[in-house]
């Protein structure tokens, strides 16, 4: 058992991503903010996230076989209203403010400048205007593949964990 735990701990340690040690500079933070503004994060990402979450809500409600149609409608409405309230309450702004230092740590100053140059350019703006068009398609793909992935995970985990209750005895 001790050998198993040691191997598990080493595997987790080796698989963990390296964390940058350098603090972001004022310039990298400023470039990151420019990139976020140029990318119109809230205008582009919120609709995409909302579409994906709404489809997840529909899937969640549909899986509740013990609920009546009226209860499913109520649950769906409550989940949708709650999601809208969260987004209206500044969720994306708060998330981006927290992510800006992470972007500034991951990307070099040169990379951030290149990203800003692209997203502030006419081509970058055209690309960004088209991104929301992918939201419904991406959400449908996620909704379509999720049940298969979940079933496959359960099947594989069940096989891998067979006999686990007797492990270490």
N, C-alpha and C. Protein backbone atom coordinates (compact mmCIF):
# COMPACT_ATOMS: atom_id res chain seq x y z
N UNK A 1 0.83 -1.19 0.00
CA UNK A 1 0.00 0.00 0.00
C UNK A 1 0.88 1.25 0.00
N UNK A 2 1.94 1.24 0.80
CA UNK A 2 2.83 2.39 0.87
C UNK A 2 3.49 2.64 -0.48
N UNK A 3 3.86 1.55 -1.19
CA UNK A 3 4.48 1.70 -2.51
C UNK A 3 3.48 2.34 -3.48
N UNK A 4 2.23 1.91 -3.42
CA UNK A 4 1.19 2.47 -4.28
C UNK A 4 1.03 3.96 -4.02
N UNK A 5 0.97 4.37 -2.77
CA UNK A 5 0.80 5.78 -2.43
C UNK A 5 2.01 6.61 -2.85
N UNK A 6 3.21 6.04 -2.72
CA UNK A 6 4.41 6.74 -3.13
C UNK A 6 4.41 6.96 -4.63
N UNK A 7 4.05 5.94 -5.39
CA UNK A 7 3.98 6.06 -6.85
C UNK A 7 2.91 7.07 -7.25
N UNK A 8 1.76 7.02 -6.58
CA UNK A 8 0.69 7.97 -6.85
C UNK A 8 1.14 9.40 -6.59
N UNK A 9 1.81 9.63 -5.47
CA UNK A 9 2.28 10.97 -5.12
C UNK A 9 3.31 11.47 -6.13
N UNK A 10 4.24 10.60 -6.53
CA UNK A 10 5.25 10.99 -7.52
C UNK A 10 4.62 11.29 -8.86
N UNK A 11 3.65 10.48 -9.26
CA UNK A 11 2.96 10.70 -10.53
C UNK A 11 2.24 12.05 -10.52
N UNK A 12 1.55 12.35 -9.43
CA UNK A 12 0.85 13.63 -9.32
C UNK A 12 1.83 14.79 -9.34
N UNK A 13 2.95 14.65 -8.67
CA UNK A 13 3.94 15.72 -8.62
C UNK A 13 4.53 15.96 -10.00
N UNK A 14 4.82 14.88 -10.73
CA UNK A 14 5.40 15.04 -12.06
C UNK A 14 4.38 15.55 -13.07
N UNK A 15 3.12 15.21 -12.88
CA UNK A 15 2.08 15.64 -13.82
C UNK A 15 1.62 17.07 -13.57
N UNK A 16 1.91 17.60 -12.41
CA UNK A 16 1.46 18.96 -12.08
C UNK A 16 2.19 19.97 -12.96
N UNK A 17 1.48 20.97 -13.46
CA UNK A 17 2.13 21.96 -14.31
C UNK A 17 3.12 22.80 -13.50
N UNK A 18 4.15 23.22 -14.19
CA UNK A 18 5.13 24.09 -13.55
C UNK A 18 4.51 25.47 -13.37
N UNK A 19 4.76 26.08 -12.24
CA UNK A 19 4.22 27.39 -11.95
C UNK A 19 5.34 28.41 -12.15
N UNK A 20 5.03 29.45 -12.90
CA UNK A 20 6.03 30.48 -13.13
C UNK A 20 6.35 31.16 -11.81
N UNK A 21 7.64 31.43 -11.61
CA UNK A 21 8.03 32.03 -10.35
C UNK A 21 8.08 33.55 -10.43
N UNK A 22 8.25 34.08 -11.65
CA UNK A 22 8.38 35.52 -11.80
C UNK A 22 7.01 36.20 -11.71
N UNK A 23 7.00 37.29 -10.96
CA UNK A 23 5.77 38.09 -10.88
C UNK A 23 5.62 38.85 -12.19
N UNK A 24 4.38 39.04 -12.65
CA UNK A 24 4.19 39.80 -13.87
C UNK A 24 4.60 41.26 -13.66
N UNK A 25 5.14 41.85 -14.71
CA UNK A 25 5.55 43.24 -14.62
C UNK A 25 4.36 44.14 -14.92
N UNK A 26 4.52 45.42 -14.62
CA UNK A 26 3.45 46.39 -14.92
C UNK A 26 3.18 46.40 -16.42
N UNK A 27 4.22 46.26 -17.23
CA UNK A 27 4.03 46.28 -18.68
C UNK A 27 3.28 45.04 -19.16
N UNK A 28 3.62 43.84 -18.63
CA UNK A 28 2.90 42.64 -19.07
C UNK A 28 1.45 42.67 -18.61
N UNK A 29 1.21 43.22 -17.43
CA UNK A 29 -0.17 43.36 -16.96
C UNK A 29 -0.94 44.34 -17.85
N UNK A 30 -0.31 45.44 -18.23
CA UNK A 30 -0.96 46.42 -19.10
C UNK A 30 -1.24 45.81 -20.48
N UNK A 31 -0.28 45.08 -21.02
CA UNK A 31 -0.49 44.41 -22.31
C UNK A 31 -1.62 43.40 -22.22
N UNK A 32 -1.66 42.67 -21.12
CA UNK A 32 -2.72 41.68 -20.95
C UNK A 32 -4.08 42.37 -20.89
N UNK A 33 -4.17 43.47 -20.18
CA UNK A 33 -5.44 44.21 -20.12
C UNK A 33 -5.84 44.70 -21.51
N UNK A 34 -4.87 45.19 -22.28
CA UNK A 34 -5.16 45.63 -23.65
C UNK A 34 -5.68 44.46 -24.49
N UNK A 35 -5.06 43.30 -24.31
CA UNK A 35 -5.50 42.12 -25.05
C UNK A 35 -6.93 41.76 -24.68
N UNK A 36 -7.24 41.77 -23.39
CA UNK A 36 -8.59 41.43 -22.93
C UNK A 36 -9.61 42.41 -23.51
N UNK A 37 -9.28 43.70 -23.51
CA UNK A 37 -10.18 44.70 -24.08
C UNK A 37 -10.33 44.49 -25.58
N UNK A 38 -9.21 44.29 -26.27
CA UNK A 38 -9.25 44.10 -27.73
C UNK A 38 -10.03 42.86 -28.11
N UNK A 39 -10.00 41.85 -27.25
CA UNK A 39 -10.70 40.60 -27.54
C UNK A 39 -12.19 40.68 -27.24
N UNK A 40 -12.64 41.76 -26.60
CA UNK A 40 -14.07 41.90 -26.26
C UNK A 40 -14.55 40.65 -25.52
N UNK A 41 -13.81 40.27 -24.51
CA UNK A 41 -14.08 39.02 -23.80
C UNK A 41 -15.54 38.88 -23.40
N UNK A 42 -16.07 39.89 -22.74
CA UNK A 42 -17.45 39.75 -22.26
C UNK A 42 -18.44 39.63 -23.40
N UNK A 43 -18.26 40.43 -24.45
CA UNK A 43 -19.20 40.36 -25.57
C UNK A 43 -19.11 39.03 -26.32
N UNK A 44 -17.90 38.47 -26.40
CA UNK A 44 -17.72 37.25 -27.17
C UNK A 44 -17.85 35.97 -26.35
N UNK A 45 -17.30 35.99 -25.16
CA UNK A 45 -17.28 34.76 -24.38
C UNK A 45 -18.57 34.49 -23.62
N UNK A 46 -19.21 35.55 -23.14
CA UNK A 46 -20.44 35.35 -22.36
C UNK A 46 -21.50 34.61 -23.17
N UNK A 47 -21.83 35.04 -24.40
CA UNK A 47 -22.84 34.29 -25.15
C UNK A 47 -22.44 32.84 -25.41
N UNK A 48 -21.14 32.61 -25.68
CA UNK A 48 -20.69 31.25 -25.92
C UNK A 48 -20.83 30.41 -24.65
N UNK A 49 -20.40 30.95 -23.53
CA UNK A 49 -20.53 30.23 -22.26
C UNK A 49 -21.99 30.00 -21.91
N UNK A 50 -22.82 31.01 -22.12
CA UNK A 50 -24.23 30.87 -21.80
C UNK A 50 -24.89 29.79 -22.65
N UNK A 51 -24.54 29.73 -23.93
CA UNK A 51 -25.10 28.70 -24.81
C UNK A 51 -24.68 27.32 -24.33
N UNK A 52 -23.41 27.18 -24.01
CA UNK A 52 -22.93 25.88 -23.54
C UNK A 52 -23.58 25.51 -22.21
N UNK A 53 -23.69 26.47 -21.30
CA UNK A 53 -24.30 26.19 -20.00
C UNK A 53 -25.78 25.88 -20.13
N UNK A 54 -26.47 26.60 -21.04
CA UNK A 54 -27.90 26.32 -21.23
C UNK A 54 -28.12 24.89 -21.74
N UNK A 55 -27.25 24.46 -22.65
CA UNK A 55 -27.38 23.08 -23.13
C UNK A 55 -27.07 22.10 -22.01
N UNK A 56 -26.13 22.43 -21.15
CA UNK A 56 -25.84 21.58 -20.00
C UNK A 56 -27.03 21.54 -19.05
N UNK A 57 -27.69 22.70 -18.87
CA UNK A 57 -28.90 22.77 -18.04
C UNK A 57 -29.97 21.85 -18.62
N UNK A 58 -30.18 21.94 -19.94
CA UNK A 58 -31.18 21.09 -20.59
C UNK A 58 -30.86 19.62 -20.39
N UNK A 59 -29.60 19.27 -20.51
CA UNK A 59 -29.18 17.88 -20.30
C UNK A 59 -29.42 17.46 -18.85
N UNK A 60 -29.07 18.32 -17.92
CA UNK A 60 -29.26 18.03 -16.50
C UNK A 60 -30.74 17.82 -16.19
N UNK A 61 -31.58 18.70 -16.70
CA UNK A 61 -33.02 18.60 -16.46
C UNK A 61 -33.56 17.33 -17.10
N UNK A 62 -33.15 17.03 -18.32
CA UNK A 62 -33.64 15.84 -19.01
C UNK A 62 -33.25 14.56 -18.28
N UNK A 63 -32.13 14.57 -17.58
CA UNK A 63 -31.68 13.37 -16.85
C UNK A 63 -32.48 13.12 -15.58
N UNK A 64 -33.23 14.09 -15.13
CA UNK A 64 -34.04 13.95 -13.92
C UNK A 64 -35.37 13.29 -14.28
N UNK A 65 -35.33 11.98 -14.44
CA UNK A 65 -36.49 11.20 -14.89
C UNK A 65 -37.63 11.20 -13.86
N UNK A 66 -37.30 11.42 -12.60
CA UNK A 66 -38.32 11.37 -11.55
C UNK A 66 -39.14 12.66 -11.46
N UNK A 67 -38.80 13.67 -12.25
CA UNK A 67 -39.52 14.94 -12.19
C UNK A 67 -40.64 14.98 -13.22
N UNK A 68 -41.72 15.64 -12.86
CA UNK A 68 -42.81 15.84 -13.81
C UNK A 68 -42.37 16.89 -14.82
N UNK A 69 -43.13 17.03 -15.90
CA UNK A 69 -42.81 18.05 -16.90
C UNK A 69 -42.84 19.44 -16.28
N UNK A 70 -43.79 19.67 -15.40
CA UNK A 70 -43.90 20.98 -14.75
C UNK A 70 -42.66 21.24 -13.88
N UNK A 71 -42.23 20.22 -13.14
CA UNK A 71 -41.05 20.37 -12.29
C UNK A 71 -39.80 20.59 -13.14
N UNK A 72 -39.71 19.89 -14.27
CA UNK A 72 -38.57 20.09 -15.17
C UNK A 72 -38.55 21.52 -15.71
N UNK A 73 -39.71 22.04 -16.06
CA UNK A 73 -39.80 23.42 -16.55
C UNK A 73 -39.38 24.39 -15.46
N UNK A 74 -39.84 24.14 -14.23
CA UNK A 74 -39.47 25.01 -13.11
C UNK A 74 -37.96 24.94 -12.85
N UNK A 75 -37.41 23.74 -12.85
CA UNK A 75 -35.97 23.57 -12.62
C UNK A 75 -35.18 24.26 -13.72
N UNK A 76 -35.57 24.07 -14.96
CA UNK A 76 -34.89 24.70 -16.08
C UNK A 76 -34.92 26.22 -15.96
N UNK A 77 -36.10 26.76 -15.63
CA UNK A 77 -36.23 28.21 -15.47
C UNK A 77 -35.37 28.72 -14.33
N UNK A 78 -35.39 28.02 -13.21
CA UNK A 78 -34.60 28.44 -12.05
C UNK A 78 -33.11 28.42 -12.36
N UNK A 79 -32.65 27.37 -13.04
CA UNK A 79 -31.23 27.28 -13.40
C UNK A 79 -30.85 28.38 -14.38
N UNK A 80 -31.69 28.62 -15.38
CA UNK A 80 -31.40 29.66 -16.37
C UNK A 80 -31.39 31.05 -15.73
N UNK A 81 -32.38 31.32 -14.88
CA UNK A 81 -32.42 32.63 -14.20
C UNK A 81 -31.20 32.84 -13.32
N UNK A 82 -30.81 31.79 -12.61
CA UNK A 82 -29.64 31.88 -11.73
C UNK A 82 -28.38 32.15 -12.55
N UNK A 83 -28.24 31.45 -13.65
CA UNK A 83 -27.09 31.64 -14.52
C UNK A 83 -27.06 33.09 -15.05
N UNK A 84 -28.21 33.59 -15.48
CA UNK A 84 -28.28 34.98 -15.97
C UNK A 84 -27.91 35.97 -14.88
N UNK A 85 -28.37 35.73 -13.66
CA UNK A 85 -28.06 36.62 -12.54
C UNK A 85 -26.56 36.64 -12.25
N UNK A 86 -25.95 35.47 -12.32
CA UNK A 86 -24.51 35.37 -12.06
C UNK A 86 -23.73 36.14 -13.11
N UNK A 87 -24.10 35.97 -14.38
CA UNK A 87 -23.40 36.69 -15.44
C UNK A 87 -23.66 38.19 -15.34
N UNK A 88 -24.88 38.58 -15.01
CA UNK A 88 -25.22 40.00 -14.87
C UNK A 88 -24.50 40.63 -13.67
N UNK A 89 -24.13 39.82 -12.70
CA UNK A 89 -23.46 40.31 -11.50
C UNK A 89 -21.97 40.54 -11.65
N UNK A 90 -21.45 40.47 -12.87
CA UNK A 90 -20.04 40.76 -13.09
C UNK A 90 -19.13 39.55 -13.04
N UNK A 91 -19.68 38.38 -13.21
CA UNK A 91 -18.89 37.15 -13.16
C UNK A 91 -17.68 37.20 -14.09
N UNK A 92 -17.91 37.59 -15.35
CA UNK A 92 -16.82 37.59 -16.33
C UNK A 92 -15.77 38.64 -15.98
N UNK A 93 -16.19 39.81 -15.56
CA UNK A 93 -15.22 40.86 -15.20
C UNK A 93 -14.34 40.39 -14.05
N UNK A 94 -14.96 39.81 -13.04
CA UNK A 94 -14.21 39.30 -11.90
C UNK A 94 -13.26 38.19 -12.34
N UNK A 95 -13.75 37.29 -13.17
CA UNK A 95 -12.91 36.19 -13.63
C UNK A 95 -11.72 36.72 -14.42
N UNK A 96 -11.96 37.70 -15.31
CA UNK A 96 -10.86 38.23 -16.12
C UNK A 96 -9.84 38.97 -15.25
N UNK A 97 -10.30 39.72 -14.27
CA UNK A 97 -9.36 40.41 -13.37
C UNK A 97 -8.47 39.42 -12.65
N UNK A 98 -9.02 38.26 -12.34
CA UNK A 98 -8.23 37.23 -11.67
C UNK A 98 -7.31 36.49 -12.64
N UNK A 99 -7.74 36.42 -13.91
CA UNK A 99 -6.93 35.71 -14.91
C UNK A 99 -5.82 36.57 -15.51
N UNK A 100 -5.98 37.88 -15.48
CA UNK A 100 -4.98 38.76 -16.10
C UNK A 100 -3.57 38.47 -15.58
N UNK A 101 -3.35 38.36 -14.28
CA UNK A 101 -1.99 38.02 -13.82
C UNK A 101 -1.50 36.66 -14.33
N UNK A 102 -2.41 35.71 -14.48
CA UNK A 102 -2.01 34.39 -15.00
C UNK A 102 -1.56 34.50 -16.45
N UNK A 103 -2.33 35.23 -17.27
CA UNK A 103 -1.90 35.46 -18.65
C UNK A 103 -0.54 36.14 -18.67
N UNK A 104 -0.36 37.14 -17.82
CA UNK A 104 0.88 37.91 -17.79
C UNK A 104 2.06 37.06 -17.32
N UNK A 105 1.81 36.02 -16.54
CA UNK A 105 2.88 35.12 -16.11
C UNK A 105 3.21 34.09 -17.18
N UNK A 106 2.20 33.65 -17.93
CA UNK A 106 2.39 32.59 -18.91
C UNK A 106 3.04 33.11 -20.19
N UNK A 107 2.55 34.26 -20.65
CA UNK A 107 3.06 34.81 -21.91
C UNK A 107 4.17 35.82 -21.65
N UNK A 108 5.16 35.79 -22.52
CA UNK A 108 6.25 36.77 -22.43
C UNK A 108 5.72 38.12 -22.91
N UNK A 109 6.50 39.15 -22.65
CA UNK A 109 6.13 40.48 -23.11
C UNK A 109 6.00 40.51 -24.63
N UNK A 110 6.93 39.86 -25.33
CA UNK A 110 6.88 39.81 -26.79
C UNK A 110 5.62 39.09 -27.28
N UNK A 111 5.28 37.97 -26.62
CA UNK A 111 4.07 37.23 -27.01
C UNK A 111 2.82 38.06 -26.77
N UNK A 112 2.76 38.72 -25.62
CA UNK A 112 1.61 39.57 -25.33
C UNK A 112 1.50 40.71 -26.33
N UNK A 113 2.63 41.31 -26.69
CA UNK A 113 2.61 42.39 -27.68
C UNK A 113 2.08 41.87 -29.02
N UNK A 114 2.52 40.68 -29.42
CA UNK A 114 2.05 40.09 -30.68
C UNK A 114 0.54 39.81 -30.62
N UNK A 115 0.07 39.30 -29.48
CA UNK A 115 -1.37 39.05 -29.32
C UNK A 115 -2.16 40.36 -29.38
N UNK A 116 -1.68 41.38 -28.70
CA UNK A 116 -2.34 42.68 -28.72
C UNK A 116 -2.35 43.22 -30.15
N UNK A 117 -1.21 43.14 -30.83
CA UNK A 117 -1.14 43.63 -32.21
C UNK A 117 -2.17 42.90 -33.08
N UNK A 118 -2.27 41.60 -32.92
CA UNK A 118 -3.22 40.84 -33.72
C UNK A 118 -4.66 41.21 -33.37
N UNK A 119 -5.02 41.14 -32.09
CA UNK A 119 -6.41 41.37 -31.71
C UNK A 119 -6.85 42.81 -31.91
N UNK A 120 -5.93 43.76 -31.93
CA UNK A 120 -6.29 45.14 -32.22
C UNK A 120 -6.33 45.41 -33.72
N UNK A 121 -5.85 44.47 -34.54
CA UNK A 121 -5.83 44.66 -36.00
C UNK A 121 -7.21 44.36 -36.59
N UNK A 122 -7.46 44.83 -37.81
CA UNK A 122 -8.74 44.51 -38.48
C UNK A 122 -8.97 43.00 -38.61
N UNK A 123 -7.92 42.25 -38.93
CA UNK A 123 -8.08 40.79 -39.06
C UNK A 123 -8.44 40.17 -37.70
N UNK A 124 -7.76 40.59 -36.66
CA UNK A 124 -8.06 40.07 -35.33
C UNK A 124 -9.50 40.39 -34.93
N UNK A 125 -9.96 41.58 -35.25
CA UNK A 125 -11.33 41.96 -34.93
C UNK A 125 -12.34 41.14 -35.73
N UNK A 126 -12.01 40.83 -37.02
CA UNK A 126 -12.91 39.98 -37.83
C UNK A 126 -12.99 38.57 -37.22
N UNK A 127 -11.84 38.03 -36.81
CA UNK A 127 -11.82 36.70 -36.19
C UNK A 127 -12.69 36.71 -34.94
N UNK A 128 -12.54 37.73 -34.11
CA UNK A 128 -13.30 37.81 -32.87
C UNK A 128 -14.79 37.95 -33.12
N UNK A 129 -15.18 38.71 -34.17
CA UNK A 129 -16.61 38.86 -34.47
C UNK A 129 -17.23 37.53 -34.87
N UNK A 130 -16.44 36.63 -35.42
CA UNK A 130 -16.97 35.33 -35.87
C UNK A 130 -16.98 34.28 -34.76
N UNK A 131 -16.23 34.50 -33.70
CA UNK A 131 -16.16 33.50 -32.62
C UNK A 131 -17.52 33.13 -32.03
N UNK A 132 -18.41 34.09 -31.77
CA UNK A 132 -19.70 33.70 -31.19
C UNK A 132 -20.51 32.75 -32.08
N UNK A 133 -20.24 32.77 -33.37
CA UNK A 133 -20.93 31.86 -34.28
C UNK A 133 -20.60 30.40 -33.99
N UNK A 134 -19.46 30.18 -33.34
CA UNK A 134 -19.04 28.82 -33.01
C UNK A 134 -19.69 28.30 -31.73
N UNK A 135 -20.22 29.18 -30.92
CA UNK A 135 -20.80 28.79 -29.63
C UNK A 135 -21.84 27.70 -29.73
N UNK A 136 -22.90 27.90 -30.52
CA UNK A 136 -23.93 26.86 -30.62
C UNK A 136 -23.38 25.54 -31.15
N UNK A 137 -22.49 25.60 -32.13
CA UNK A 137 -21.92 24.36 -32.67
C UNK A 137 -21.07 23.65 -31.63
N UNK A 138 -20.24 24.42 -30.92
CA UNK A 138 -19.39 23.83 -29.87
C UNK A 138 -20.24 23.23 -28.76
N UNK A 139 -21.29 23.95 -28.36
CA UNK A 139 -22.15 23.45 -27.30
C UNK A 139 -22.84 22.16 -27.72
N UNK A 140 -23.27 22.09 -28.97
CA UNK A 140 -23.93 20.88 -29.46
C UNK A 140 -22.95 19.70 -29.47
N UNK A 141 -21.73 19.95 -29.90
CA UNK A 141 -20.72 18.88 -29.91
C UNK A 141 -20.48 18.39 -28.48
N UNK A 142 -20.31 19.32 -27.54
CA UNK A 142 -20.09 18.94 -26.14
C UNK A 142 -21.27 18.13 -25.62
N UNK A 143 -22.48 18.61 -25.89
CA UNK A 143 -23.67 17.90 -25.42
C UNK A 143 -23.78 16.51 -26.06
N UNK A 144 -23.38 16.39 -27.32
CA UNK A 144 -23.46 15.11 -28.02
C UNK A 144 -22.42 14.11 -27.52
N UNK A 145 -21.21 14.58 -27.23
CA UNK A 145 -20.14 13.65 -26.87
C UNK A 145 -20.07 13.36 -25.37
N UNK A 146 -20.64 14.24 -24.54
CA UNK A 146 -20.54 14.06 -23.09
C UNK A 146 -21.14 12.75 -22.60
N UNK A 147 -22.36 12.37 -22.99
CA UNK A 147 -22.90 11.11 -22.47
C UNK A 147 -22.03 9.90 -22.84
N UNK A 148 -21.50 9.87 -24.07
CA UNK A 148 -20.63 8.76 -24.48
C UNK A 148 -19.35 8.75 -23.65
N UNK A 149 -18.77 9.94 -23.46
CA UNK A 149 -17.55 10.04 -22.67
C UNK A 149 -17.80 9.59 -21.23
N UNK A 150 -18.93 10.02 -20.65
CA UNK A 150 -19.24 9.63 -19.28
C UNK A 150 -19.42 8.12 -19.17
N UNK A 151 -20.13 7.53 -20.13
CA UNK A 151 -20.34 6.08 -20.11
C UNK A 151 -19.02 5.34 -20.26
N UNK A 152 -18.16 5.83 -21.15
CA UNK A 152 -16.85 5.20 -21.35
C UNK A 152 -15.98 5.33 -20.10
N UNK A 153 -16.03 6.49 -19.45
CA UNK A 153 -15.26 6.67 -18.22
C UNK A 153 -15.74 5.71 -17.14
N UNK A 154 -17.05 5.59 -16.99
CA UNK A 154 -17.59 4.68 -15.98
C UNK A 154 -17.16 3.25 -16.26
N UNK A 155 -17.26 2.85 -17.53
CA UNK A 155 -16.86 1.49 -17.90
C UNK A 155 -15.38 1.24 -17.62
N UNK A 156 -14.52 2.17 -18.04
CA UNK A 156 -13.09 1.99 -17.85
C UNK A 156 -12.70 2.05 -16.37
N UNK A 157 -13.31 2.99 -15.63
CA UNK A 157 -13.01 3.08 -14.20
C UNK A 157 -13.47 1.85 -13.45
N UNK A 158 -14.64 1.35 -13.84
CA UNK A 158 -15.15 0.14 -13.19
C UNK A 158 -14.17 -1.01 -13.36
N UNK A 159 -13.65 -1.18 -14.59
CA UNK A 159 -12.68 -2.25 -14.85
C UNK A 159 -11.39 -2.02 -14.07
N UNK A 160 -10.91 -0.78 -14.05
CA UNK A 160 -9.66 -0.48 -13.37
C UNK A 160 -9.76 -0.63 -11.85
N UNK A 161 -10.95 -0.37 -11.32
CA UNK A 161 -11.12 -0.39 -9.88
C UNK A 161 -11.66 -1.72 -9.35
N UNK A 162 -11.87 -2.70 -10.25
CA UNK A 162 -12.32 -4.02 -9.80
C UNK A 162 -11.32 -4.57 -8.80
N UNK A 163 -11.79 -5.07 -7.73
CA UNK A 163 -10.93 -5.66 -6.72
C UNK A 163 -10.27 -4.64 -5.81
N UNK A 164 -10.60 -3.36 -5.98
CA UNK A 164 -9.98 -2.33 -5.15
C UNK A 164 -10.34 -2.52 -3.67
N UNK A 165 -11.55 -3.02 -3.43
CA UNK A 165 -11.96 -3.19 -2.04
C UNK A 165 -11.08 -4.21 -1.30
N UNK A 166 -10.44 -5.09 -2.07
CA UNK A 166 -9.54 -6.06 -1.42
C UNK A 166 -8.09 -5.60 -1.51
N UNK A 167 -7.84 -4.45 -2.15
CA UNK A 167 -6.49 -3.93 -2.29
C UNK A 167 -5.91 -3.58 -0.92
N UNK A 168 -4.74 -4.06 -0.66
CA UNK A 168 -4.05 -3.74 0.59
C UNK A 168 -4.43 -4.65 1.75
N UNK A 169 -5.31 -5.62 1.53
CA UNK A 169 -5.70 -6.51 2.63
C UNK A 169 -4.68 -7.61 2.81
